[in-house]
N, C-alpha and C. Protein backbone atom coordinates (compact mmCIF):
# COMPACT_ATOMS: atom_id res chain seq x y z
N MET A 1 95.04 104.64 103.74
CA MET A 1 96.34 104.65 104.38
C MET A 1 97.42 104.44 103.31
N ILE A 2 98.46 105.20 103.42
CA ILE A 2 99.61 105.05 102.53
C ILE A 2 100.79 104.62 103.39
N HIS A 3 101.33 103.45 103.10
CA HIS A 3 102.46 102.91 103.85
C HIS A 3 103.73 103.14 103.04
N THR A 4 104.71 103.75 103.68
CA THR A 4 106.01 103.93 103.05
C THR A 4 107.03 103.14 103.87
N VAL A 5 108.27 103.16 103.44
CA VAL A 5 109.32 102.46 104.17
C VAL A 5 109.44 103.00 105.59
N SER A 6 109.26 104.31 105.74
CA SER A 6 109.51 104.93 107.04
C SER A 6 108.27 105.42 107.78
N ASP A 7 107.11 105.47 107.14
CA ASP A 7 105.95 106.07 107.80
C ASP A 7 104.64 105.55 107.23
N VAL A 8 103.56 105.91 107.90
CA VAL A 8 102.20 105.62 107.44
C VAL A 8 101.44 106.94 107.43
N TYR A 9 100.75 107.21 106.31
CA TYR A 9 100.01 108.46 106.16
C TYR A 9 98.53 108.17 105.93
N LYS A 10 97.69 108.99 106.53
CA LYS A 10 96.25 108.91 106.29
C LYS A 10 95.91 109.90 105.18
N THR A 11 94.99 109.51 104.32
CA THR A 11 94.55 110.39 103.24
C THR A 11 93.05 110.28 103.05
N ASN A 12 92.48 111.33 102.52
CA ASN A 12 91.05 111.32 102.19
C ASN A 12 90.82 110.90 100.75
N MET A 13 91.90 110.70 100.01
CA MET A 13 91.79 110.31 98.60
C MET A 13 91.32 108.86 98.49
N THR A 14 90.56 108.60 97.43
CA THR A 14 90.21 107.21 97.17
C THR A 14 91.42 106.55 96.52
N ILE A 15 91.42 105.23 96.48
CA ILE A 15 92.53 104.52 95.87
C ILE A 15 92.61 104.84 94.38
N GLU A 16 91.48 105.08 93.74
CA GLU A 16 91.47 105.43 92.31
C GLU A 16 92.07 106.82 92.09
N GLU A 17 91.78 107.76 92.97
CA GLU A 17 92.37 109.10 92.87
C GLU A 17 93.88 109.03 93.05
N LEU A 18 94.31 108.25 93.99
CA LEU A 18 95.74 108.07 94.23
C LEU A 18 96.40 107.40 93.03
N TRP A 19 95.76 106.38 92.49
CA TRP A 19 96.28 105.64 91.34
C TRP A 19 96.52 106.56 90.15
N LYS A 20 95.63 107.51 89.92
CA LYS A 20 95.76 108.44 88.80
C LYS A 20 97.00 109.33 88.91
N GLN A 21 97.52 109.51 90.13
CA GLN A 21 98.66 110.39 90.34
C GLN A 21 100.01 109.66 90.34
N LEU A 22 99.98 108.35 90.32
CA LEU A 22 101.22 107.58 90.42
C LEU A 22 101.81 107.25 89.06
N ASP A 23 103.11 107.03 89.05
CA ASP A 23 103.84 106.61 87.85
C ASP A 23 103.52 105.13 87.61
N LYS A 24 102.83 104.84 86.52
CA LYS A 24 102.38 103.46 86.24
C LYS A 24 103.55 102.52 85.95
N GLN A 25 104.75 103.07 85.67
CA GLN A 25 105.92 102.22 85.46
C GLN A 25 106.55 101.80 86.79
N MET A 26 106.19 102.48 87.88
CA MET A 26 106.78 102.18 89.19
C MET A 26 105.79 101.53 90.16
N PHE A 27 104.51 101.60 89.85
CA PHE A 27 103.49 101.08 90.76
C PHE A 27 102.54 100.15 90.02
N SER A 28 101.94 99.24 90.77
CA SER A 28 100.96 98.32 90.20
C SER A 28 99.77 98.21 91.13
N HIS A 29 98.58 98.28 90.55
CA HIS A 29 97.33 98.11 91.28
C HIS A 29 97.05 96.61 91.30
N ILE A 30 97.21 95.97 92.45
CA ILE A 30 97.13 94.50 92.51
C ILE A 30 95.81 93.97 93.06
N HIS A 31 95.02 94.86 93.65
CA HIS A 31 93.79 94.45 94.31
C HIS A 31 92.96 95.71 94.49
N VAL A 32 91.69 95.58 94.70
CA VAL A 32 90.83 96.75 94.89
C VAL A 32 91.34 97.63 96.03
N SER A 33 92.06 97.06 96.98
CA SER A 33 92.54 97.80 98.15
C SER A 33 94.02 98.09 98.17
N TYR A 34 94.79 97.60 97.18
CA TYR A 34 96.24 97.72 97.27
C TYR A 34 96.89 98.21 95.98
N ILE A 35 97.82 99.13 96.15
CA ILE A 35 98.74 99.55 95.10
C ILE A 35 100.13 99.36 95.69
N ILE A 36 101.02 98.74 94.93
CA ILE A 36 102.36 98.50 95.46
C ILE A 36 103.43 99.10 94.56
N ASN A 37 104.57 99.40 95.17
CA ASN A 37 105.73 99.91 94.46
C ASN A 37 106.50 98.70 93.92
N LEU A 38 106.71 98.67 92.62
CA LEU A 38 107.38 97.52 92.00
C LEU A 38 108.80 97.32 92.51
N SER A 39 109.44 98.38 92.97
CA SER A 39 110.82 98.25 93.44
C SER A 39 110.93 97.52 94.77
N HIS A 40 109.81 97.28 95.43
CA HIS A 40 109.83 96.59 96.73
C HIS A 40 109.34 95.15 96.66
N ILE A 41 109.15 94.64 95.46
CA ILE A 41 108.71 93.24 95.31
C ILE A 41 109.91 92.31 95.47
N ARG A 42 109.79 91.39 96.40
CA ARG A 42 110.80 90.34 96.56
C ARG A 42 110.48 89.18 95.64
N SER A 43 109.20 88.79 95.61
CA SER A 43 108.79 87.68 94.75
C SER A 43 107.28 87.69 94.55
N ILE A 44 106.86 86.95 93.53
CA ILE A 44 105.44 86.70 93.28
C ILE A 44 105.27 85.20 93.42
N GLU A 45 104.47 84.80 94.40
CA GLU A 45 104.29 83.38 94.72
C GLU A 45 102.81 83.03 94.63
N GLY A 46 102.46 82.36 93.56
CA GLY A 46 101.05 81.98 93.37
C GLY A 46 100.19 83.21 93.25
N ASP A 47 99.24 83.36 94.16
CA ASP A 47 98.31 84.49 94.16
C ASP A 47 98.74 85.59 95.12
N GLU A 48 100.00 85.57 95.55
CA GLU A 48 100.49 86.57 96.50
C GLU A 48 101.75 87.24 95.99
N VAL A 49 101.91 88.49 96.39
CA VAL A 49 103.16 89.21 96.14
C VAL A 49 103.83 89.36 97.51
N VAL A 50 105.14 89.12 97.55
CA VAL A 50 105.91 89.24 98.78
C VAL A 50 106.82 90.46 98.64
N LEU A 51 106.72 91.37 99.60
CA LEU A 51 107.52 92.59 99.56
C LEU A 51 108.83 92.41 100.31
N ASP A 52 109.72 93.40 100.18
CA ASP A 52 111.04 93.36 100.82
C ASP A 52 110.98 93.04 102.32
N ASP A 53 109.98 93.58 102.98
CA ASP A 53 109.87 93.39 104.43
C ASP A 53 109.19 92.07 104.82
N GLY A 54 108.87 91.24 103.82
CA GLY A 54 108.25 89.95 104.08
C GLY A 54 106.74 89.99 104.10
N GLU A 55 106.17 91.17 104.04
CA GLU A 55 104.71 91.29 104.04
C GLU A 55 104.15 90.72 102.75
N ARG A 56 103.01 90.03 102.85
CA ARG A 56 102.37 89.38 101.71
C ARG A 56 101.02 90.01 101.44
N PHE A 57 100.71 90.17 100.14
CA PHE A 57 99.43 90.72 99.74
C PHE A 57 98.83 89.84 98.65
N LEU A 58 97.53 89.65 98.74
CA LEU A 58 96.80 88.88 97.75
C LEU A 58 96.71 89.67 96.45
N ILE A 59 96.93 88.99 95.33
CA ILE A 59 96.81 89.59 94.02
C ILE A 59 95.46 89.18 93.44
N ALA A 60 94.63 90.14 93.07
CA ALA A 60 93.35 89.83 92.44
C ALA A 60 93.60 89.16 91.09
N ARG A 61 92.79 88.18 90.74
CA ARG A 61 92.95 87.48 89.46
C ARG A 61 92.99 88.45 88.30
N SER A 62 92.16 89.49 88.37
CA SER A 62 92.08 90.46 87.27
C SER A 62 93.34 91.32 87.14
N HIS A 63 94.21 91.33 88.15
CA HIS A 63 95.43 92.14 88.12
C HIS A 63 96.71 91.30 88.02
N LYS A 64 96.59 89.99 88.11
CA LYS A 64 97.78 89.14 88.19
C LYS A 64 98.66 89.22 86.94
N GLN A 65 98.08 89.11 85.76
CA GLN A 65 98.87 89.14 84.53
C GLN A 65 99.55 90.49 84.36
N SER A 66 98.81 91.55 84.63
CA SER A 66 99.35 92.91 84.53
C SER A 66 100.53 93.09 85.49
N LEU A 67 100.41 92.59 86.70
CA LEU A 67 101.50 92.69 87.67
C LEU A 67 102.73 91.97 87.16
N LYS A 68 102.57 90.76 86.67
CA LYS A 68 103.71 90.00 86.17
C LYS A 68 104.40 90.74 85.03
N GLU A 69 103.61 91.29 84.10
CA GLU A 69 104.18 92.02 82.97
C GLU A 69 104.90 93.29 83.43
N LYS A 70 104.27 94.04 84.33
CA LYS A 70 104.88 95.27 84.83
C LYS A 70 106.16 94.97 85.61
N HIS A 71 106.14 93.91 86.41
CA HIS A 71 107.32 93.57 87.20
C HIS A 71 108.47 93.13 86.29
N LEU A 72 108.17 92.36 85.28
CA LEU A 72 109.20 91.94 84.32
C LEU A 72 109.78 93.15 83.60
N GLU A 73 108.94 94.06 83.16
CA GLU A 73 109.40 95.27 82.49
C GLU A 73 110.24 96.13 83.43
N TYR A 74 109.82 96.24 84.68
CA TYR A 74 110.59 96.98 85.67
C TYR A 74 111.97 96.36 85.84
N MET A 75 112.03 95.06 85.96
CA MET A 75 113.31 94.36 86.12
C MET A 75 114.22 94.58 84.91
N ARG A 76 113.66 94.58 83.72
CA ARG A 76 114.44 94.84 82.51
C ARG A 76 115.03 96.24 82.51
N ARG A 77 114.25 97.22 82.99
CA ARG A 77 114.73 98.59 83.05
C ARG A 77 115.87 98.75 84.05
N MET A 78 115.87 97.92 85.08
CA MET A 78 116.88 98.04 86.15
C MET A 78 118.21 97.39 85.78
N VAL A 79 118.22 96.60 84.73
CA VAL A 79 119.47 95.90 84.32
C VAL A 79 120.34 96.80 83.50
């Protein structure tokens, strides 16, 4: 399932196939089941990422450092 701001789409692609097609500067793979758009992160709280809509997702330990680095770099680009 691909969730956007306005819709939800079903796909036959695996998360790895989808990941290969995304801009790595705009998206982060945070868990075996989740890829998020960096522009929709409200905050990173402990082991969770909070999105603009208040939804929370668990960050896998193996992806936490990468997420923090990518989010910081994204924020720098936006300034």
